[in-house]
Amino acid sequence: METKTKGKKLQTVQRLFLYFMMAAVIGWCYEVFLEVVVYHWGFHNRGVLFGPYCPVYGVGMLAFLICFGKFVQMPMRWSVRWMRPILIFLGCGAVATGIELIASYLLEWTTGSWPWQTYADYAWNFQARIALSPSMRFGIGGVLFLYLLRPLFAKITGRMSEKVLAWVSGIAAAVFGIDLVATILFAVFS
């Protein structure tokens, strides 16, 4: 019985890691879309690692799951159900803004800068680390994730056998881990 429980916990961790990676890749695509299509700045890797992912989006998605995952599915009276997406929007915006603020300090400490210093261009910003406009987009992204992407991620990982789930999450973890180490080594020795 204990082995079965450990197996289920491991599968949950594997699924959550794949959720993290999928959100990080989608976040990277979103950042590149903004940079190339919206702002016309031209392409460059918007992530802090070498690969096509922004880990801060994965962290944000996991935080959204922890903070609001059960709230999305909680039964509510029909007369107040309309308030739930508004509360999730506000909550996700606040959580993501906090994560972004912490990430900016962490990145500045480890690399000397952070990729979103362009926030200084926004009227409502704090030290070019956080700004109102991106916070609102993060709130919208949180609602989209919890209502649309989370069920899709659950469907994708739910269709995987235990063996496939273990292989896919293991390969993704290895690639991510190698990228993390390579990025750190590159930063230290360059």
N, C-alpha and C. Protein backbone atom coordinates (compact mmCIF):
# COMPACT_ATOMS: atom_id res chain seq x y z
N MET A 1 0.82 -1.20 0.00
CA MET A 1 0.00 0.00 0.00
C MET A 1 0.86 1.27 0.00
N GLU A 2 1.93 1.24 0.79
CA GLU A 2 2.81 2.40 0.89
C GLU A 2 3.52 2.67 -0.44
N THR A 3 3.90 1.63 -1.15
CA THR A 3 4.55 1.77 -2.46
C THR A 3 3.61 2.41 -3.45
N LYS A 4 2.33 2.03 -3.39
CA LYS A 4 1.34 2.62 -4.30
C LYS A 4 1.17 4.11 -4.04
N THR A 5 1.17 4.50 -2.77
CA THR A 5 1.05 5.91 -2.41
C THR A 5 2.27 6.69 -2.89
N LYS A 6 3.47 6.12 -2.72
CA LYS A 6 4.69 6.77 -3.20
C LYS A 6 4.65 6.93 -4.72
N GLY A 7 4.14 5.91 -5.41
CA GLY A 7 4.02 5.96 -6.86
C GLY A 7 3.09 7.07 -7.31
N LYS A 8 1.97 7.23 -6.64
CA LYS A 8 1.01 8.29 -6.97
C LYS A 8 1.62 9.67 -6.70
N LYS A 9 2.35 9.80 -5.59
CA LYS A 9 2.99 11.08 -5.29
C LYS A 9 4.04 11.41 -6.34
N LEU A 10 4.81 10.42 -6.76
CA LEU A 10 5.81 10.64 -7.79
C LEU A 10 5.15 11.07 -9.09
N GLN A 11 4.05 10.43 -9.46
CA GLN A 11 3.33 10.81 -10.68
C GLN A 11 2.79 12.23 -10.58
N THR A 12 2.33 12.63 -9.41
CA THR A 12 1.86 14.00 -9.21
C THR A 12 3.01 14.99 -9.41
N VAL A 13 4.16 14.68 -8.85
CA VAL A 13 5.33 15.55 -9.02
C VAL A 13 5.73 15.61 -10.50
N GLN A 14 5.71 14.47 -11.18
CA GLN A 14 6.06 14.43 -12.61
C GLN A 14 5.08 15.27 -13.42
N ARG A 15 3.79 15.15 -13.13
CA ARG A 15 2.79 15.95 -13.84
C ARG A 15 2.99 17.44 -13.58
N LEU A 16 3.21 17.79 -12.32
CA LEU A 16 3.41 19.20 -11.98
C LEU A 16 4.66 19.76 -12.65
N PHE A 17 5.71 18.93 -12.76
CA PHE A 17 6.91 19.39 -13.46
C PHE A 17 6.60 19.62 -14.94
N LEU A 18 5.83 18.74 -15.54
CA LEU A 18 5.46 18.95 -16.95
C LEU A 18 4.57 20.17 -17.10
N TYR A 19 3.68 20.41 -16.15
CA TYR A 19 2.87 21.64 -16.16
C TYR A 19 3.81 22.85 -16.14
N PHE A 20 4.81 22.79 -15.23
CA PHE A 20 5.80 23.86 -15.10
C PHE A 20 6.48 24.10 -16.44
N MET A 21 6.94 23.04 -17.08
CA MET A 21 7.66 23.18 -18.36
C MET A 21 6.74 23.71 -19.46
N MET A 22 5.51 23.21 -19.53
CA MET A 22 4.58 23.69 -20.56
C MET A 22 4.29 25.17 -20.37
N ALA A 23 4.07 25.59 -19.12
CA ALA A 23 3.81 27.01 -18.85
C ALA A 23 5.05 27.85 -19.16
N ALA A 24 6.24 27.33 -18.86
CA ALA A 24 7.48 28.06 -19.15
C ALA A 24 7.68 28.24 -20.65
N VAL A 25 7.35 27.23 -21.43
CA VAL A 25 7.47 27.33 -22.90
C VAL A 25 6.43 28.29 -23.45
N ILE A 26 5.20 28.20 -22.97
CA ILE A 26 4.16 29.12 -23.41
C ILE A 26 4.52 30.55 -23.03
N GLY A 27 5.07 30.74 -21.83
CA GLY A 27 5.51 32.06 -21.41
C GLY A 27 6.61 32.61 -22.31
N TRP A 28 7.54 31.76 -22.70
CA TRP A 28 8.61 32.18 -23.61
C TRP A 28 8.01 32.60 -24.95
N CYS A 29 7.08 31.80 -25.48
CA CYS A 29 6.43 32.13 -26.75
C CYS A 29 5.69 33.47 -26.64
N TYR A 30 5.01 33.69 -25.53
CA TYR A 30 4.31 34.94 -25.29
C TYR A 30 5.29 36.12 -25.28
N GLU A 31 6.40 35.96 -24.59
CA GLU A 31 7.41 37.02 -24.53
C GLU A 31 7.99 37.33 -25.91
N VAL A 32 8.29 36.28 -26.67
CA VAL A 32 8.83 36.48 -28.02
C VAL A 32 7.79 37.13 -28.92
N PHE A 33 6.53 36.72 -28.79
CA PHE A 33 5.45 37.34 -29.56
C PHE A 33 5.38 38.83 -29.27
N LEU A 34 5.40 39.20 -28.00
CA LEU A 34 5.36 40.62 -27.64
C LEU A 34 6.55 41.36 -28.24
N GLU A 35 7.72 40.77 -28.12
CA GLU A 35 8.94 41.43 -28.58
C GLU A 35 8.97 41.60 -30.10
N VAL A 36 8.58 40.57 -30.82
CA VAL A 36 8.70 40.59 -32.28
C VAL A 36 7.49 41.24 -32.94
N VAL A 37 6.30 40.83 -32.55
CA VAL A 37 5.08 41.27 -33.24
C VAL A 37 4.53 42.58 -32.68
N VAL A 38 4.45 42.70 -31.37
CA VAL A 38 3.81 43.87 -30.77
C VAL A 38 4.76 45.07 -30.74
N TYR A 39 5.96 44.87 -30.21
CA TYR A 39 6.88 45.99 -30.02
C TYR A 39 7.88 46.17 -31.18
N HIS A 40 7.99 45.19 -32.05
CA HIS A 40 8.90 45.23 -33.21
C HIS A 40 10.36 45.47 -32.81
N TRP A 41 10.78 44.86 -31.72
CA TRP A 41 12.15 45.02 -31.26
C TRP A 41 13.09 44.05 -31.96
N GLY A 42 12.56 43.04 -32.60
CA GLY A 42 13.40 42.00 -33.18
C GLY A 42 13.56 40.85 -32.19
N PHE A 43 13.99 39.72 -32.68
CA PHE A 43 14.06 38.53 -31.84
C PHE A 43 15.36 38.45 -31.06
N HIS A 44 15.23 38.08 -29.81
CA HIS A 44 16.33 37.53 -29.03
C HIS A 44 15.71 36.69 -27.92
N ASN A 45 16.48 35.79 -27.38
CA ASN A 45 15.96 34.86 -26.37
C ASN A 45 15.47 35.64 -25.16
N ARG A 46 14.18 35.55 -24.87
CA ARG A 46 13.60 36.31 -23.77
C ARG A 46 13.76 35.61 -22.43
N GLY A 47 14.25 34.39 -22.43
CA GLY A 47 14.44 33.68 -21.18
C GLY A 47 15.80 33.98 -20.58
N VAL A 48 15.97 33.59 -19.32
CA VAL A 48 17.25 33.77 -18.66
C VAL A 48 18.14 32.54 -18.87
N LEU A 49 17.56 31.45 -19.37
CA LEU A 49 18.32 30.24 -19.68
C LEU A 49 18.50 30.17 -21.20
N PHE A 50 19.25 29.19 -21.66
CA PHE A 50 19.50 29.07 -23.09
C PHE A 50 18.28 28.55 -23.86
N GLY A 51 17.49 27.69 -23.25
CA GLY A 51 16.37 27.04 -23.94
C GLY A 51 15.17 27.94 -24.12
N PRO A 52 14.20 27.47 -24.90
CA PRO A 52 13.00 28.28 -25.18
C PRO A 52 11.96 28.17 -24.06
N TYR A 53 12.31 28.67 -22.89
CA TYR A 53 11.37 28.67 -21.78
C TYR A 53 11.74 29.78 -20.80
N CYS A 54 10.71 30.29 -20.15
CA CYS A 54 10.88 31.30 -19.10
C CYS A 54 10.41 30.67 -17.80
N PRO A 55 11.31 30.20 -16.96
CA PRO A 55 10.92 29.51 -15.73
C PRO A 55 9.99 30.32 -14.82
N VAL A 56 10.07 31.64 -14.87
CA VAL A 56 9.20 32.44 -14.01
C VAL A 56 7.73 32.20 -14.33
N TYR A 57 7.41 31.89 -15.59
CA TYR A 57 6.03 31.55 -15.94
C TYR A 57 5.63 30.21 -15.35
N GLY A 58 6.54 29.27 -15.32
CA GLY A 58 6.25 27.98 -14.69
C GLY A 58 6.03 28.12 -13.20
N VAL A 59 6.86 28.94 -12.57
CA VAL A 59 6.71 29.20 -11.13
C VAL A 59 5.37 29.88 -10.88
N GLY A 60 5.04 30.87 -11.72
CA GLY A 60 3.75 31.55 -11.57
C GLY A 60 2.59 30.61 -11.71
N MET A 61 2.65 29.72 -12.69
CA MET A 61 1.56 28.76 -12.90
C MET A 61 1.41 27.84 -11.70
N LEU A 62 2.53 27.37 -11.15
CA LEU A 62 2.44 26.52 -9.96
C LEU A 62 1.86 27.30 -8.78
N ALA A 63 2.23 28.56 -8.66
CA ALA A 63 1.67 29.40 -7.59
C ALA A 63 0.17 29.59 -7.79
N PHE A 64 -0.26 29.77 -9.05
CA PHE A 64 -1.69 29.89 -9.32
C PHE A 64 -2.43 28.62 -8.92
N LEU A 65 -1.83 27.47 -9.23
CA LEU A 65 -2.46 26.19 -8.85
C LEU A 65 -2.58 26.07 -7.34
N ILE A 66 -1.50 26.40 -6.65
CA ILE A 66 -1.51 26.29 -5.19
C ILE A 66 -2.51 27.26 -4.57
N CYS A 67 -2.51 28.50 -5.04
CA CYS A 67 -3.35 29.53 -4.44
C CYS A 67 -4.82 29.44 -4.86
N PHE A 68 -5.08 29.09 -6.12
CA PHE A 68 -6.44 29.21 -6.64
C PHE A 68 -7.00 27.95 -7.29
N GLY A 69 -6.21 26.87 -7.35
CA GLY A 69 -6.65 25.65 -8.03
C GLY A 69 -7.95 25.08 -7.48
N LYS A 70 -8.05 24.99 -6.17
CA LYS A 70 -9.27 24.46 -5.56
C LYS A 70 -10.42 25.47 -5.64
N PHE A 71 -10.08 26.76 -5.58
CA PHE A 71 -11.11 27.80 -5.64
C PHE A 71 -11.85 27.78 -6.98
N VAL A 72 -11.14 27.47 -8.07
CA VAL A 72 -11.75 27.43 -9.40
C VAL A 72 -12.83 26.34 -9.44
N GLN A 73 -12.57 25.24 -8.77
CA GLN A 73 -13.49 24.10 -8.83
C GLN A 73 -14.52 24.08 -7.70
N MET A 74 -14.41 25.00 -6.77
CA MET A 74 -15.31 25.03 -5.63
C MET A 74 -16.74 25.36 -6.07
N PRO A 75 -17.71 24.59 -5.60
CA PRO A 75 -19.10 24.93 -5.96
C PRO A 75 -19.52 26.26 -5.33
N MET A 76 -20.24 27.05 -6.10
CA MET A 76 -20.72 28.35 -5.61
C MET A 76 -22.16 28.53 -6.06
N ARG A 77 -22.88 29.37 -5.33
CA ARG A 77 -24.23 29.72 -5.76
C ARG A 77 -24.15 30.43 -7.09
N TRP A 78 -25.11 30.21 -7.95
CA TRP A 78 -25.09 30.82 -9.29
C TRP A 78 -25.09 32.34 -9.22
N SER A 79 -25.67 32.92 -8.16
CA SER A 79 -25.77 34.37 -8.08
C SER A 79 -24.43 35.06 -7.80
N VAL A 80 -23.44 34.33 -7.26
CA VAL A 80 -22.14 34.93 -7.00
C VAL A 80 -21.02 34.28 -7.82
N ARG A 81 -21.36 33.33 -8.66
CA ARG A 81 -20.37 32.62 -9.46
C ARG A 81 -19.61 33.57 -10.40
N TRP A 82 -20.24 34.63 -10.85
CA TRP A 82 -19.60 35.60 -11.75
C TRP A 82 -18.43 36.31 -11.09
N MET A 83 -18.41 36.34 -9.75
CA MET A 83 -17.33 37.02 -9.03
C MET A 83 -16.03 36.21 -9.04
N ARG A 84 -16.13 34.90 -9.19
CA ARG A 84 -14.95 34.05 -9.10
C ARG A 84 -13.86 34.44 -10.11
N PRO A 85 -14.17 34.59 -11.41
CA PRO A 85 -13.10 34.98 -12.35
C PRO A 85 -12.47 36.34 -12.01
N ILE A 86 -13.28 37.25 -11.49
CA ILE A 86 -12.74 38.56 -11.11
C ILE A 86 -11.77 38.42 -9.94
N LEU A 87 -12.14 37.62 -8.93
CA LEU A 87 -11.26 37.40 -7.79
C LEU A 87 -9.99 36.67 -8.21
N ILE A 88 -10.13 35.70 -9.12
CA ILE A 88 -8.96 34.97 -9.61
C ILE A 88 -8.06 35.90 -10.41
N PHE A 89 -8.65 36.77 -11.23
CA PHE A 89 -7.88 37.76 -11.98
C PHE A 89 -7.05 38.63 -11.03
N LEU A 90 -7.69 39.17 -10.01
CA LEU A 90 -7.00 40.03 -9.05
C LEU A 90 -5.92 39.25 -8.28
N GLY A 91 -6.27 38.05 -7.84
CA GLY A 91 -5.33 37.23 -7.08
C GLY A 91 -4.13 36.81 -7.91
N CYS A 92 -4.37 36.35 -9.13
CA CYS A 92 -3.26 35.94 -10.01
C CYS A 92 -2.37 37.13 -10.35
N GLY A 93 -2.98 38.28 -10.59
CA GLY A 93 -2.18 39.47 -10.86
C GLY A 93 -1.28 39.81 -9.69
N ALA A 94 -1.82 39.72 -8.48
CA ALA A 94 -1.03 40.03 -7.28
C ALA A 94 0.07 39.00 -7.05
N VAL A 95 -0.27 37.72 -7.18
CA VAL A 95 0.72 36.66 -6.97
C VAL A 95 1.85 36.76 -7.99
N ALA A 96 1.49 36.91 -9.28
CA ALA A 96 2.51 36.99 -10.33
C ALA A 96 3.38 38.24 -10.17
N THR A 97 2.79 39.33 -9.75
CA THR A 97 3.57 40.55 -9.53
C THR A 97 4.57 40.34 -8.40
N GLY A 98 4.15 39.68 -7.34
CA GLY A 98 5.07 39.36 -6.25
C GLY A 98 6.21 38.46 -6.71
N ILE A 99 5.88 37.46 -7.50
CA ILE A 99 6.91 36.55 -8.04
C ILE A 99 7.87 37.32 -8.93
N GLU A 100 7.33 38.19 -9.77
CA GLU A 100 8.17 38.97 -10.67
C GLU A 100 9.10 39.90 -9.90
N LEU A 101 8.61 40.51 -8.83
CA LEU A 101 9.43 41.39 -8.01
C LEU A 101 10.57 40.60 -7.37
N ILE A 102 10.25 39.45 -6.79
CA ILE A 102 11.27 38.60 -6.17
C ILE A 102 12.27 38.12 -7.22
N ALA A 103 11.77 37.71 -8.39
CA ALA A 103 12.65 37.24 -9.47
C ALA A 103 13.59 38.35 -9.94
N SER A 104 13.11 39.58 -9.99
CA SER A 104 13.97 40.68 -10.44
C SER A 104 15.14 40.87 -9.47
N TYR A 105 14.86 40.79 -8.16
CA TYR A 105 15.94 40.93 -7.18
C TYR A 105 16.90 39.75 -7.26
N LEU A 106 16.35 38.55 -7.42
CA LEU A 106 17.19 37.35 -7.52
C LEU A 106 18.07 37.40 -8.77
N LEU A 107 17.50 37.78 -9.90
CA LEU A 107 18.28 37.88 -11.13
C LEU A 107 19.33 38.99 -11.05
N GLU A 108 18.97 40.10 -10.44
CA GLU A 108 19.94 41.18 -10.30
C GLU A 108 21.11 40.72 -9.43
N TRP A 109 20.80 39.99 -8.38
CA TRP A 109 21.83 39.49 -7.47
C TRP A 109 22.74 38.48 -8.17
N THR A 110 22.15 37.60 -9.01
CA THR A 110 22.94 36.54 -9.64
C THR A 110 23.55 36.93 -10.98
N THR A 111 22.89 37.79 -11.75
CA THR A 111 23.39 38.11 -13.10
C THR A 111 23.68 39.59 -13.31
N GLY A 112 23.25 40.43 -12.40
CA GLY A 112 23.51 41.86 -12.53
C GLY A 112 22.37 42.64 -13.17
N SER A 113 21.37 41.95 -13.72
CA SER A 113 20.22 42.64 -14.34
C SER A 113 19.04 41.68 -14.40
N TRP A 114 17.94 42.15 -14.94
CA TRP A 114 16.77 41.32 -15.17
C TRP A 114 16.20 41.70 -16.53
N PRO A 115 15.59 40.74 -17.25
CA PRO A 115 15.20 40.97 -18.65
C PRO A 115 14.11 42.02 -18.86
N TRP A 116 13.32 42.33 -17.87
CA TRP A 116 12.19 43.23 -18.10
C TRP A 116 12.43 44.64 -17.57
N GLN A 117 13.64 45.14 -17.68
CA GLN A 117 13.93 46.49 -17.22
C GLN A 117 13.22 47.55 -18.06
N THR A 118 12.60 47.14 -19.14
CA THR A 118 11.83 48.08 -19.96
C THR A 118 10.58 48.57 -19.23
N TYR A 119 10.29 48.01 -18.08
CA TYR A 119 9.12 48.46 -17.32
C TYR A 119 9.25 49.93 -16.92
N ALA A 120 10.44 50.47 -16.99
CA ALA A 120 10.63 51.89 -16.70
C ALA A 120 9.82 52.76 -17.66
N ASP A 121 9.50 52.22 -18.84
CA ASP A 121 8.72 52.95 -19.83
C ASP A 121 7.24 53.08 -19.45
N TYR A 122 6.77 52.24 -18.51
CA TYR A 122 5.37 52.30 -18.08
C TYR A 122 5.18 53.40 -17.06
N ALA A 123 4.03 54.06 -17.13
CA ALA A 123 3.74 55.15 -16.20
C ALA A 123 3.67 54.64 -14.76
N TRP A 124 3.06 53.50 -14.55
CA TRP A 124 2.88 52.96 -13.22
C TRP A 124 3.84 51.78 -13.04
N ASN A 125 5.04 52.06 -12.49
CA ASN A 125 6.01 51.00 -12.26
C ASN A 125 6.73 51.24 -10.95
N PHE A 126 7.36 50.19 -10.45
CA PHE A 126 8.18 50.28 -9.25
C PHE A 126 9.59 49.84 -9.61
N GLN A 127 10.53 50.78 -9.66
CA GLN A 127 11.94 50.53 -9.94
C GLN A 127 12.16 49.75 -11.23
N ALA A 128 11.26 49.83 -12.17
CA ALA A 128 11.31 49.08 -13.43
C ALA A 128 11.30 47.58 -13.19
N ARG A 129 10.86 47.15 -12.01
CA ARG A 129 10.80 45.72 -11.66
C ARG A 129 9.40 45.16 -11.86
N ILE A 130 8.41 45.94 -11.52
CA ILE A 130 7.01 45.55 -11.69
C ILE A 130 6.26 46.76 -12.23
N ALA A 131 5.16 46.48 -12.92
CA ALA A 131 4.36 47.58 -13.47
C ALA A 131 2.90 47.12 -13.54
N LEU A 132 2.00 48.08 -13.56
CA LEU A 132 0.57 47.78 -13.55
C LEU A 132 0.13 47.04 -14.81
N SER A 133 0.57 47.49 -15.98
CA SER A 133 0.14 46.85 -17.23
C SER A 133 0.48 45.36 -17.29
N PRO A 134 1.73 44.98 -17.03
CA PRO A 134 2.03 43.54 -17.02
C PRO A 134 1.28 42.79 -15.92
N SER A 135 1.07 43.43 -14.78
CA SER A 135 0.32 42.78 -13.70
C SER A 135 -1.09 42.44 -14.14
N MET A 136 -1.70 43.34 -14.89
CA MET A 136 -3.05 43.07 -15.41
C MET A 136 -3.01 41.92 -16.42
N ARG A 137 -1.97 41.89 -17.26
CA ARG A 137 -1.83 40.78 -18.22
C ARG A 137 -1.61 39.46 -17.49
N PHE A 138 -0.86 39.50 -16.38
CA PHE A 138 -0.65 38.28 -15.60
C PHE A 138 -1.97 37.80 -14.99
N GLY A 139 -2.80 38.73 -14.56
CA GLY A 139 -4.12 38.35 -14.04
C GLY A 139 -4.96 37.67 -15.11
N ILE A 140 -4.95 38.24 -16.31
CA ILE A 140 -5.67 37.63 -17.43
C ILE A 140 -5.08 36.26 -17.75
N GLY A 141 -3.74 36.19 -17.76
CA GLY A 141 -3.07 34.91 -18.02
C GLY A 141 -3.41 33.86 -16.98
N GLY A 142 -3.52 34.27 -15.72
CA GLY A 142 -3.90 33.33 -14.67
C GLY A 142 -5.30 32.77 -14.87
N VAL A 143 -6.22 33.64 -15.25
CA VAL A 143 -7.59 33.18 -15.52
C VAL A 143 -7.59 32.22 -16.71
N LEU A 144 -6.87 32.58 -17.78
CA LEU A 144 -6.79 31.70 -18.95
C LEU A 144 -6.15 30.37 -18.60
N PHE A 145 -5.09 30.41 -17.79
CA PHE A 145 -4.45 29.17 -17.40
C PHE A 145 -5.39 28.29 -16.60
N LEU A 146 -5.99 28.84 -15.55
CA LEU A 146 -6.81 28.02 -14.66
C LEU A 146 -8.08 27.49 -15.32
N TYR A 147 -8.64 28.25 -16.25
CA TYR A 147 -9.88 27.81 -16.89
C TYR A 147 -9.67 27.07 -18.20
N LEU A 148 -8.58 27.37 -18.94
CA LEU A 148 -8.40 26.75 -20.26
C LEU A 148 -7.18 25.82 -20.33
N LEU A 149 -6.01 26.32 -19.94
CA LEU A 149 -4.79 25.52 -20.10
C LEU A 149 -4.67 24.40 -19.08
N ARG A 150 -5.05 24.64 -17.86
CA ARG A 150 -4.95 23.59 -16.84
C ARG A 150 -5.72 22.34 -17.25
N PRO A 151 -6.97 22.46 -17.70
CA PRO A 151 -7.66 21.24 -18.16
C PRO A 151 -6.95 20.58 -19.34
N LEU A 152 -6.39 21.38 -20.24
CA LEU A 152 -5.65 20.82 -21.37
C LEU A 152 -4.40 20.10 -20.89
N PHE A 153 -3.64 20.71 -19.98
CA PHE A 153 -2.45 20.07 -19.43
C PHE A 153 -2.82 18.77 -18.72
N ALA A 154 -3.93 18.80 -17.97
CA ALA A 154 -4.38 17.60 -17.26
C ALA A 154 -4.74 16.49 -18.25
N LYS A 155 -5.36 16.87 -19.36
CA LYS A 155 -5.73 15.89 -20.38
C LYS A 155 -4.48 15.28 -21.01
N ILE A 156 -3.51 16.14 -21.35
CA ILE A 156 -2.27 15.66 -21.98
C ILE A 156 -1.53 14.71 -21.05
N THR A 157 -1.30 15.12 -19.81
CA THR A 157 -0.54 14.27 -18.88
C THR A 157 -1.37 13.08 -18.39
N GLY A 158 -2.68 13.24 -18.36
CA GLY A 158 -3.55 12.15 -17.93
C GLY A 158 -3.60 11.00 -18.92
N ARG A 159 -3.34 11.27 -20.18
CA ARG A 159 -3.35 10.22 -21.20
C ARG A 159 -2.03 9.45 -21.27
N MET A 160 -1.02 9.94 -20.57
CA MET A 160 0.28 9.27 -20.58
C MET A 160 0.26 8.09 -19.62
N SER A 161 0.85 7.00 -20.04
CA SER A 161 1.01 5.86 -19.13
C SER A 161 2.06 6.25 -18.09
N GLU A 162 2.16 5.45 -17.03
CA GLU A 162 3.16 5.74 -15.99
C GLU A 162 4.56 5.78 -16.58
N LYS A 163 4.83 4.85 -17.48
CA LYS A 163 6.16 4.76 -18.08
C LYS A 163 6.45 5.98 -18.96
N VAL A 164 5.49 6.36 -19.80
CA VAL A 164 5.67 7.53 -20.68
C VAL A 164 5.81 8.79 -19.84
N LEU A 165 4.99 8.93 -18.82
CA LEU A 165 5.07 10.09 -17.93
C LEU A 165 6.45 10.18 -17.29
N ALA A 166 6.97 9.04 -16.83
CA ALA A 166 8.29 9.02 -16.21
C ALA A 166 9.37 9.41 -17.21
N TRP A 167 9.30 8.87 -18.42
CA TRP A 167 10.31 9.19 -19.44
C TRP A 167 10.25 10.65 -19.86
N VAL A 168 9.06 11.13 -20.17
CA VAL A 168 8.93 12.51 -20.65
C VAL A 168 9.35 13.51 -19.57
N SER A 169 8.88 13.30 -18.36
CA SER A 169 9.26 14.22 -17.29
C SER A 169 10.75 14.09 -16.96
N GLY A 170 11.29 12.90 -17.03
CA GLY A 170 12.72 12.70 -16.78
C GLY A 170 13.59 13.37 -17.82
N ILE A 171 13.22 13.23 -19.09
CA ILE A 171 13.98 13.88 -20.16
C ILE A 171 13.87 15.40 -20.04
N ALA A 172 12.66 15.90 -19.78
CA ALA A 172 12.47 17.34 -19.62
C ALA A 172 13.28 17.87 -18.43
N ALA A 173 13.30 17.11 -17.33
CA ALA A 173 14.07 17.52 -16.15
C ALA A 173 15.57 17.52 -16.45
N ALA A 174 16.03 16.52 -17.20
CA ALA A 174 17.46 16.46 -17.55
C ALA A 174 17.85 17.64 -18.44
N VAL A 175 17.04 17.92 -19.46
CA VAL A 175 17.33 19.04 -20.35
C VAL A 175 17.32 20.35 -19.57
N PHE A 176 16.32 20.53 -18.73
CA PHE A 176 16.22 21.75 -17.93
C PHE A 176 17.40 21.87 -16.97
N GLY A 177 17.74 20.77 -16.31
CA GLY A 177 18.86 20.78 -15.37
C GLY A 177 20.19 21.09 -16.04
N ILE A 178 20.44 20.48 -17.21
CA ILE A 178 21.67 20.76 -17.96
C ILE A 178 21.70 22.22 -18.37
N ASP A 179 20.57 22.73 -18.85
CA ASP A 179 20.49 24.13 -19.25
C ASP A 179 20.77 25.05 -18.06
N LEU A 180 20.21 24.74 -16.93
CA LEU A 180 20.42 25.55 -15.72
C LEU A 180 21.90 25.57 -15.33
N VAL A 181 22.52 24.41 -15.31
CA VAL A 181 23.94 24.33 -14.96
C VAL A 181 24.78 25.07 -16.00
N ALA A 182 24.49 24.87 -17.29
CA ALA A 182 25.24 25.54 -18.36
C ALA A 182 25.11 27.05 -18.26
N THR A 183 23.92 27.52 -17.97
CA THR A 183 23.70 28.96 -17.84
C THR A 183 24.48 29.53 -16.66
N ILE A 184 24.47 28.83 -15.55
CA ILE A 184 25.21 29.29 -14.37
C ILE A 184 26.71 29.30 -14.66
N LEU A 185 27.21 28.21 -15.26
CA LEU A 185 28.63 28.16 -15.59
C LEU A 185 29.03 29.25 -16.58
N PHE A 186 28.18 29.48 -17.57
CA PHE A 186 28.45 30.53 -18.55
C PHE A 186 28.52 31.90 -17.87
N ALA A 187 27.59 32.14 -16.95
CA ALA A 187 27.56 33.42 -16.23
C ALA A 187 28.80 33.58 -15.34
N VAL A 188 29.23 32.49 -14.72
CA VAL A 188 30.38 32.56 -13.82
C VAL A 188 31.69 32.76 -14.59
N PHE A 189 31.83 32.07 -15.72
CA PHE A 189 33.10 32.09 -16.42
C PHE A 189 33.17 33.05 -17.62
N SER A 190 32.18 33.90 -17.76
CA SER A 190 32.27 34.85 -18.88
C SER A 190 32.39 36.27 -18.39
